[in-house]
N, C-alpha and C. Protein backbone atom coordinates (compact mmCIF):
# COMPACT_ATOMS: atom_id res chain seq x y z
N MET A 1 -40.85 17.61 53.38
CA MET A 1 -39.76 18.56 53.11
C MET A 1 -39.04 18.90 54.41
N ALA A 2 -37.75 18.98 54.33
CA ALA A 2 -36.93 19.27 55.51
C ALA A 2 -37.13 20.72 55.95
N GLU A 3 -37.06 20.91 57.27
CA GLU A 3 -37.08 22.25 57.85
C GLU A 3 -35.65 22.73 57.98
N LEU A 4 -35.42 24.00 57.64
CA LEU A 4 -34.07 24.57 57.74
C LEU A 4 -33.91 25.40 59.00
N PHE A 5 -32.75 25.22 59.64
CA PHE A 5 -32.37 26.00 60.81
C PHE A 5 -30.96 26.50 60.62
N ALA A 6 -30.70 27.74 61.04
CA ALA A 6 -29.34 28.29 61.06
C ALA A 6 -29.08 28.78 62.47
N TYR A 7 -28.05 28.23 63.08
CA TYR A 7 -27.61 28.66 64.40
C TYR A 7 -26.41 29.56 64.17
N THR A 8 -26.50 30.81 64.61
CA THR A 8 -25.48 31.80 64.27
C THR A 8 -24.85 32.38 65.53
N ASP A 9 -23.57 32.76 65.41
CA ASP A 9 -22.91 33.39 66.54
C ASP A 9 -21.73 34.23 66.03
N GLY A 10 -21.39 35.22 66.82
CA GLY A 10 -20.22 36.05 66.56
C GLY A 10 -19.35 36.07 67.79
N ALA A 11 -18.06 36.32 67.58
CA ALA A 11 -17.11 36.39 68.70
C ALA A 11 -16.11 37.49 68.40
N CYS A 12 -15.60 38.09 69.46
CA CYS A 12 -14.61 39.14 69.29
C CYS A 12 -13.65 39.09 70.47
N SER A 13 -12.36 39.29 70.18
CA SER A 13 -11.34 39.34 71.22
C SER A 13 -10.96 40.81 71.37
N GLY A 14 -11.56 41.46 72.35
CA GLY A 14 -11.52 42.91 72.40
C GLY A 14 -12.71 43.39 71.59
N ASN A 15 -13.15 44.59 71.83
CA ASN A 15 -14.33 45.08 71.10
C ASN A 15 -14.15 46.58 70.88
N PRO A 16 -13.43 47.02 69.83
CA PRO A 16 -13.04 46.24 68.65
C PRO A 16 -11.77 45.41 68.85
N GLY A 17 -11.59 44.51 67.91
CA GLY A 17 -10.44 43.63 67.88
C GLY A 17 -10.66 42.55 66.85
N PRO A 18 -9.83 41.51 66.86
CA PRO A 18 -10.06 40.41 65.93
C PRO A 18 -11.38 39.72 66.25
N GLY A 19 -12.11 39.33 65.22
CA GLY A 19 -13.41 38.72 65.44
C GLY A 19 -13.70 37.62 64.45
N GLY A 20 -14.71 36.82 64.78
CA GLY A 20 -15.13 35.74 63.90
C GLY A 20 -16.62 35.53 63.96
N TRP A 21 -17.14 34.88 62.94
CA TRP A 21 -18.56 34.53 62.90
C TRP A 21 -18.66 33.05 62.54
N GLY A 22 -19.74 32.42 63.01
CA GLY A 22 -19.95 31.01 62.73
C GLY A 22 -21.42 30.71 62.49
N VAL A 23 -21.66 29.72 61.64
CA VAL A 23 -23.02 29.31 61.30
C VAL A 23 -23.07 27.78 61.25
N LEU A 24 -24.04 27.22 61.93
CA LEU A 24 -24.37 25.80 61.78
C LEU A 24 -25.71 25.74 61.08
N LEU A 25 -25.71 25.27 59.83
CA LEU A 25 -26.94 25.11 59.05
C LEU A 25 -27.39 23.66 59.16
N GLN A 26 -28.66 23.46 59.48
CA GLN A 26 -29.18 22.10 59.57
C GLN A 26 -30.50 22.00 58.83
N ALA A 27 -30.64 20.91 58.07
CA ALA A 27 -31.92 20.53 57.48
C ALA A 27 -32.45 19.39 58.35
N MET A 28 -33.65 19.57 58.86
CA MET A 28 -34.25 18.61 59.81
C MET A 28 -35.50 17.98 59.21
N GLU A 29 -35.64 16.68 59.42
CA GLU A 29 -36.90 15.99 59.15
C GLU A 29 -37.32 15.39 60.48
N GLY A 30 -38.35 15.98 61.07
CA GLY A 30 -38.74 15.60 62.43
C GLY A 30 -37.60 15.96 63.37
N ASP A 31 -37.14 14.98 64.16
CA ASP A 31 -36.04 15.21 65.09
C ASP A 31 -34.69 14.82 64.51
N ASN A 32 -34.66 14.48 63.23
CA ASN A 32 -33.43 13.98 62.61
C ASN A 32 -32.76 15.02 61.72
N VAL A 33 -31.46 15.20 61.91
CA VAL A 33 -30.67 16.05 61.04
C VAL A 33 -30.40 15.25 59.77
N VAL A 34 -30.86 15.76 58.61
CA VAL A 34 -30.64 15.04 57.35
C VAL A 34 -29.48 15.64 56.55
N LYS A 35 -29.14 16.89 56.85
CA LYS A 35 -28.01 17.53 56.18
C LYS A 35 -27.49 18.63 57.10
N GLU A 36 -26.17 18.80 57.09
CA GLU A 36 -25.57 19.80 57.96
C GLU A 36 -24.42 20.47 57.21
N ARG A 37 -24.27 21.76 57.44
CA ARG A 37 -23.19 22.52 56.82
C ARG A 37 -22.70 23.54 57.82
N GLU A 38 -21.38 23.72 57.88
CA GLU A 38 -20.79 24.69 58.79
C GLU A 38 -20.08 25.78 58.00
N LEU A 39 -20.24 27.02 58.43
CA LEU A 39 -19.62 28.17 57.79
C LEU A 39 -18.90 28.98 58.86
N LYS A 40 -17.79 29.60 58.49
CA LYS A 40 -17.11 30.47 59.44
C LYS A 40 -16.23 31.45 58.69
N GLY A 41 -15.91 32.55 59.36
CA GLY A 41 -15.04 33.56 58.79
C GLY A 41 -14.69 34.56 59.87
N GLY A 42 -13.88 35.53 59.50
CA GLY A 42 -13.50 36.52 60.50
C GLY A 42 -12.84 37.73 59.87
N GLU A 43 -12.49 38.67 60.73
CA GLU A 43 -11.84 39.91 60.32
C GLU A 43 -10.82 40.30 61.38
N ALA A 44 -9.81 41.04 60.96
CA ALA A 44 -8.73 41.44 61.87
C ALA A 44 -9.17 42.51 62.87
N GLU A 45 -10.02 43.43 62.45
CA GLU A 45 -10.42 44.56 63.30
C GLU A 45 -11.92 44.77 63.13
N THR A 46 -12.69 44.36 64.15
CA THR A 46 -14.14 44.40 64.03
C THR A 46 -14.76 44.49 65.41
N THR A 47 -16.09 44.36 65.47
CA THR A 47 -16.80 44.35 66.75
C THR A 47 -17.66 43.09 66.83
N ASN A 48 -18.06 42.79 68.03
CA ASN A 48 -18.92 41.63 68.24
C ASN A 48 -20.24 41.77 67.47
N ASN A 49 -20.83 42.97 67.51
CA ASN A 49 -22.10 43.17 66.80
C ASN A 49 -21.95 42.94 65.30
N ARG A 50 -20.85 43.39 64.72
CA ARG A 50 -20.63 43.16 63.28
C ARG A 50 -20.52 41.67 62.98
N MET A 51 -19.86 40.93 63.86
CA MET A 51 -19.70 39.49 63.65
C MET A 51 -21.04 38.77 63.79
N GLU A 52 -21.86 39.20 64.75
CA GLU A 52 -23.20 38.61 64.90
C GLU A 52 -24.03 38.85 63.63
N LEU A 53 -23.95 40.07 63.09
CA LEU A 53 -24.68 40.38 61.86
C LEU A 53 -24.17 39.55 60.69
N LEU A 54 -22.84 39.45 60.56
CA LEU A 54 -22.28 38.69 59.43
C LEU A 54 -22.64 37.21 59.50
N ALA A 55 -22.75 36.66 60.69
CA ALA A 55 -23.17 35.26 60.81
C ALA A 55 -24.56 35.07 60.21
N ALA A 56 -25.49 35.94 60.57
CA ALA A 56 -26.86 35.84 60.03
C ALA A 56 -26.87 36.08 58.52
N ILE A 57 -26.11 37.05 58.06
CA ILE A 57 -26.03 37.35 56.62
C ILE A 57 -25.52 36.14 55.86
N HIS A 58 -24.40 35.56 56.32
CA HIS A 58 -23.83 34.41 55.61
C HIS A 58 -24.76 33.21 55.64
N ALA A 59 -25.50 33.03 56.72
CA ALA A 59 -26.48 31.93 56.78
C ALA A 59 -27.50 32.06 55.66
N LEU A 60 -28.03 33.27 55.50
CA LEU A 60 -29.06 33.50 54.47
C LEU A 60 -28.47 33.49 53.07
N GLU A 61 -27.29 34.07 52.90
CA GLU A 61 -26.67 34.12 51.57
C GLU A 61 -26.20 32.74 51.10
N ALA A 62 -26.04 31.80 52.02
CA ALA A 62 -25.61 30.44 51.65
C ALA A 62 -26.74 29.64 50.99
N LEU A 63 -27.98 30.08 51.18
CA LEU A 63 -29.11 29.35 50.60
C LEU A 63 -29.25 29.70 49.13
N LYS A 64 -29.23 28.67 48.30
CA LYS A 64 -29.25 28.89 46.85
C LYS A 64 -30.64 29.25 46.33
N THR A 65 -31.68 28.78 46.99
CA THR A 65 -33.05 29.07 46.54
C THR A 65 -33.84 29.69 47.69
N PRO A 66 -34.84 30.50 47.38
CA PRO A 66 -35.68 31.07 48.43
C PRO A 66 -36.27 29.94 49.30
N SER A 67 -36.14 30.08 50.61
CA SER A 67 -36.51 28.99 51.51
C SER A 67 -37.09 29.54 52.81
N PRO A 68 -37.99 28.75 53.44
CA PRO A 68 -38.34 29.08 54.81
C PRO A 68 -37.20 28.61 55.71
N ILE A 69 -36.80 29.44 56.67
CA ILE A 69 -35.69 29.11 57.55
C ILE A 69 -35.90 29.76 58.91
N THR A 70 -35.46 29.06 59.95
CA THR A 70 -35.46 29.63 61.29
C THR A 70 -34.02 29.96 61.64
N ILE A 71 -33.77 31.22 61.96
CA ILE A 71 -32.43 31.62 62.40
C ILE A 71 -32.46 31.74 63.92
N VAL A 72 -31.55 31.01 64.55
CA VAL A 72 -31.46 31.00 66.00
C VAL A 72 -30.17 31.74 66.37
N THR A 73 -30.32 32.82 67.11
CA THR A 73 -29.19 33.67 67.49
C THR A 73 -29.20 33.92 68.99
N ASP A 74 -28.01 34.13 69.55
CA ASP A 74 -27.95 34.54 70.96
C ASP A 74 -27.75 36.06 71.07
N SER A 75 -27.90 36.74 69.93
CA SER A 75 -27.72 38.19 69.88
C SER A 75 -29.07 38.91 69.90
N ALA A 76 -29.38 39.53 71.05
CA ALA A 76 -30.60 40.35 71.12
C ALA A 76 -30.49 41.52 70.14
N TYR A 77 -29.27 42.03 69.94
CA TYR A 77 -29.02 43.12 68.99
C TYR A 77 -29.51 42.74 67.59
N VAL A 78 -29.13 41.57 67.11
CA VAL A 78 -29.56 41.14 65.77
C VAL A 78 -31.05 40.88 65.74
N LYS A 79 -31.55 40.09 66.70
CA LYS A 79 -32.98 39.74 66.67
C LYS A 79 -33.86 40.98 66.80
N ASN A 80 -33.57 41.84 67.78
CA ASN A 80 -34.39 43.05 67.97
C ASN A 80 -34.25 44.00 66.78
N GLY A 81 -33.04 44.09 66.23
CA GLY A 81 -32.82 44.98 65.09
C GLY A 81 -33.60 44.55 63.87
N VAL A 82 -33.54 43.27 63.54
CA VAL A 82 -34.14 42.79 62.29
C VAL A 82 -35.65 42.60 62.40
N THR A 83 -36.15 42.40 63.62
CA THR A 83 -37.59 42.20 63.77
C THR A 83 -38.32 43.46 64.23
N GLY A 84 -37.56 44.51 64.57
CA GLY A 84 -38.21 45.72 65.08
C GLY A 84 -37.60 47.01 64.60
N TRP A 85 -36.38 47.29 65.04
CA TRP A 85 -35.77 48.59 64.80
C TRP A 85 -35.59 48.91 63.32
N ILE A 86 -35.35 47.90 62.50
CA ILE A 86 -35.00 48.13 61.10
C ILE A 86 -36.11 48.87 60.34
N PHE A 87 -37.35 48.66 60.74
CA PHE A 87 -38.47 49.30 60.03
C PHE A 87 -38.41 50.82 60.18
N GLY A 88 -38.13 51.28 61.39
CA GLY A 88 -37.98 52.72 61.63
C GLY A 88 -36.74 53.28 60.95
N TRP A 89 -35.64 52.51 61.00
CA TRP A 89 -34.41 52.97 60.36
C TRP A 89 -34.62 53.18 58.87
N LYS A 90 -35.28 52.23 58.22
CA LYS A 90 -35.52 52.35 56.78
C LYS A 90 -36.40 53.58 56.49
N LYS A 91 -37.43 53.74 57.31
CA LYS A 91 -38.35 54.87 57.14
C LYS A 91 -37.63 56.20 57.34
N ASN A 92 -36.64 56.22 58.25
CA ASN A 92 -35.91 57.45 58.58
C ASN A 92 -34.61 57.61 57.80
N GLY A 93 -34.47 56.88 56.68
CA GLY A 93 -33.25 57.00 55.88
C GLY A 93 -32.01 56.51 56.61
N TRP A 94 -32.15 55.39 57.33
CA TRP A 94 -31.04 54.76 58.06
C TRP A 94 -30.47 55.68 59.15
N LYS A 95 -31.41 56.38 59.81
CA LYS A 95 -31.07 57.17 60.98
C LYS A 95 -31.86 56.61 62.17
N THR A 96 -31.28 56.74 63.36
CA THR A 96 -31.96 56.30 64.57
C THR A 96 -33.05 57.31 64.93
N ALA A 97 -33.82 56.97 65.96
CA ALA A 97 -34.85 57.91 66.44
C ALA A 97 -34.21 59.22 66.89
N ALA A 98 -32.95 59.15 67.32
CA ALA A 98 -32.22 60.37 67.75
C ALA A 98 -31.57 61.08 66.56
N LYS A 99 -31.92 60.65 65.33
CA LYS A 99 -31.42 61.26 64.08
C LYS A 99 -29.92 61.04 63.85
N LYS A 100 -29.36 60.04 64.50
CA LYS A 100 -27.95 59.69 64.30
C LYS A 100 -27.88 58.55 63.29
N PRO A 101 -26.77 58.45 62.53
CA PRO A 101 -26.65 57.34 61.58
C PRO A 101 -26.69 55.98 62.31
N VAL A 102 -27.37 55.03 61.72
CA VAL A 102 -27.44 53.68 62.30
C VAL A 102 -26.05 53.06 62.23
N LYS A 103 -25.59 52.51 63.36
CA LYS A 103 -24.30 51.81 63.36
C LYS A 103 -24.44 50.54 62.53
N ASN A 104 -23.41 50.24 61.74
CA ASN A 104 -23.38 49.03 60.91
C ASN A 104 -24.49 49.03 59.84
N ALA A 105 -24.87 50.22 59.38
CA ALA A 105 -25.99 50.34 58.43
C ALA A 105 -25.78 49.46 57.19
N GLU A 106 -24.53 49.40 56.69
CA GLU A 106 -24.30 48.60 55.47
C GLU A 106 -24.57 47.13 55.72
N LEU A 107 -24.29 46.65 56.93
CA LEU A 107 -24.58 45.24 57.24
C LEU A 107 -26.07 45.03 57.47
N TRP A 108 -26.73 45.98 58.10
CA TRP A 108 -28.19 45.87 58.27
C TRP A 108 -28.87 45.85 56.90
N GLN A 109 -28.39 46.68 55.97
CA GLN A 109 -28.98 46.71 54.63
C GLN A 109 -28.74 45.39 53.91
N ARG A 110 -27.55 44.82 54.09
CA ARG A 110 -27.23 43.53 53.47
C ARG A 110 -28.10 42.42 54.09
N LEU A 111 -28.29 42.46 55.39
CA LEU A 111 -29.15 41.47 56.06
C LEU A 111 -30.59 41.62 55.59
N ASP A 112 -31.06 42.84 55.47
CA ASP A 112 -32.42 43.11 55.01
C ASP A 112 -32.62 42.54 53.60
N ALA A 113 -31.66 42.75 52.72
CA ALA A 113 -31.75 42.23 51.35
C ALA A 113 -31.69 40.70 51.34
N ALA A 114 -30.82 40.12 52.17
CA ALA A 114 -30.67 38.66 52.22
C ALA A 114 -31.95 38.00 52.74
N GLN A 115 -32.56 38.60 53.74
CA GLN A 115 -33.75 37.96 54.30
C GLN A 115 -34.98 38.18 53.43
N ALA A 116 -34.95 39.18 52.57
CA ALA A 116 -36.11 39.44 51.69
C ALA A 116 -36.35 38.27 50.73
N ARG A 117 -35.33 37.49 50.44
CA ARG A 117 -35.46 36.34 49.52
C ARG A 117 -36.11 35.13 50.19
N HIS A 118 -36.19 35.14 51.52
CA HIS A 118 -36.60 33.95 52.25
C HIS A 118 -37.76 34.25 53.19
N LYS A 119 -38.35 33.21 53.75
CA LYS A 119 -39.36 33.36 54.80
C LYS A 119 -38.64 33.03 56.10
N VAL A 120 -38.21 34.09 56.81
CA VAL A 120 -37.34 33.92 57.97
C VAL A 120 -38.12 34.04 59.28
N THR A 121 -37.91 33.08 60.16
CA THR A 121 -38.39 33.15 61.54
C THR A 121 -37.15 33.36 62.41
N TRP A 122 -37.22 34.33 63.29
CA TRP A 122 -36.07 34.65 64.16
C TRP A 122 -36.35 34.15 65.56
N GLU A 123 -35.37 33.44 66.15
CA GLU A 123 -35.47 32.97 67.52
C GLU A 123 -34.22 33.39 68.28
N TRP A 124 -34.42 33.76 69.54
CA TRP A 124 -33.30 34.11 70.41
C TRP A 124 -33.11 32.99 71.42
N VAL A 125 -31.85 32.63 71.67
CA VAL A 125 -31.52 31.69 72.75
C VAL A 125 -30.46 32.34 73.63
N LYS A 126 -30.44 31.98 74.88
CA LYS A 126 -29.41 32.47 75.80
C LYS A 126 -28.07 31.85 75.39
N GLY A 127 -27.07 32.70 75.22
CA GLY A 127 -25.74 32.22 74.84
C GLY A 127 -25.02 31.56 76.00
N HIS A 128 -24.13 30.65 75.68
CA HIS A 128 -23.28 29.98 76.68
C HIS A 128 -24.11 29.33 77.79
N ALA A 129 -25.23 28.74 77.37
CA ALA A 129 -26.14 28.12 78.34
C ALA A 129 -26.32 26.63 78.03
N GLY A 130 -25.39 26.06 77.28
CA GLY A 130 -25.44 24.63 77.02
C GLY A 130 -26.34 24.21 75.87
N HIS A 131 -26.81 25.14 75.06
CA HIS A 131 -27.61 24.81 73.87
C HIS A 131 -26.62 24.26 72.83
N PRO A 132 -26.69 22.95 72.49
CA PRO A 132 -25.63 22.32 71.69
C PRO A 132 -25.35 23.02 70.35
N GLU A 133 -26.39 23.40 69.62
CA GLU A 133 -26.18 24.02 68.32
C GLU A 133 -25.61 25.43 68.46
N ASN A 134 -26.06 26.16 69.48
CA ASN A 134 -25.50 27.49 69.74
C ASN A 134 -24.04 27.37 70.17
N GLU A 135 -23.73 26.37 70.96
CA GLU A 135 -22.34 26.15 71.38
C GLU A 135 -21.46 25.84 70.16
N ARG A 136 -21.99 25.06 69.21
CA ARG A 136 -21.23 24.75 68.00
C ARG A 136 -21.02 26.01 67.16
N ALA A 137 -22.05 26.85 67.05
CA ALA A 137 -21.91 28.11 66.31
C ALA A 137 -20.83 28.98 66.97
N ASP A 138 -20.78 28.97 68.30
CA ASP A 138 -19.77 29.73 69.03
C ASP A 138 -18.37 29.17 68.73
N GLU A 139 -18.22 27.85 68.71
CA GLU A 139 -16.93 27.23 68.36
C GLU A 139 -16.49 27.64 66.96
N LEU A 140 -17.45 27.65 66.03
CA LEU A 140 -17.13 28.06 64.66
C LEU A 140 -16.72 29.52 64.60
N ALA A 141 -17.39 30.37 65.36
CA ALA A 141 -17.04 31.80 65.38
C ALA A 141 -15.62 31.98 65.92
N ARG A 142 -15.29 31.24 66.96
CA ARG A 142 -13.94 31.33 67.53
C ARG A 142 -12.90 30.80 66.54
N ALA A 143 -13.26 29.74 65.82
CA ALA A 143 -12.35 29.21 64.79
C ALA A 143 -12.18 30.22 63.66
N GLY A 144 -13.26 30.94 63.32
CA GLY A 144 -13.19 31.97 62.28
C GLY A 144 -12.32 33.15 62.69
N MET A 145 -12.26 33.41 64.00
CA MET A 145 -11.47 34.52 64.52
C MET A 145 -9.99 34.14 64.62
N LYS A 146 -9.69 32.87 64.83
CA LYS A 146 -8.34 32.42 65.16
C LYS A 146 -7.24 32.94 64.23
N PRO A 147 -7.44 32.91 62.89
CA PRO A 147 -6.36 33.40 62.01
C PRO A 147 -6.03 34.88 62.19
N PHE A 148 -6.92 35.62 62.84
CA PHE A 148 -6.72 37.07 62.98
C PHE A 148 -6.20 37.46 64.36
N LYS A 149 -6.10 36.48 65.26
CA LYS A 149 -5.63 36.77 66.62
C LYS A 149 -4.11 36.76 66.66
N PRO A 150 -3.52 37.75 67.32
CA PRO A 150 -2.06 37.74 67.48
C PRO A 150 -1.64 36.52 68.31
N GLY A 151 -0.49 35.99 68.00
CA GLY A 151 0.03 34.82 68.74
C GLY A 151 -0.86 33.62 68.60
N LYS A 152 -1.36 33.40 67.37
CA LYS A 152 -2.36 32.36 67.15
C LYS A 152 -1.78 30.95 67.13
N GLY A 153 -0.47 30.78 67.37
CA GLY A 153 0.16 29.47 67.28
C GLY A 153 -0.16 28.52 68.30
């Protein structure tokens, strides 16, 4: 059975500003890519963190059946949030330890629901460090942002 990987990235021009998200989904058998799918999208007024979250959400929501998957992100915010902080937020009614509302709570809740259907392993990679799949996810995120950037011609 093929192993699934999702390489995710978000981009923003200004923070907030126009932004995009990108996903490279790969099914691997050993060292061979047997299937590949690319996803991208964007918004006119958003933040980098929202785009990073949406990339992971869309990666998981694209899977039609519950699956084991490794999500590779260059966002410490997403990885640390989903593997650590989210448990306290849920326990505290989506409030931080300082009793403030969690930023992007609706996206965290959507990510939590999306990952509940799957067996997800989270990996962090350094962004813009020559990792080919992460670089491709970055290209997709920038392409997803392009329709929302002023002077996009």
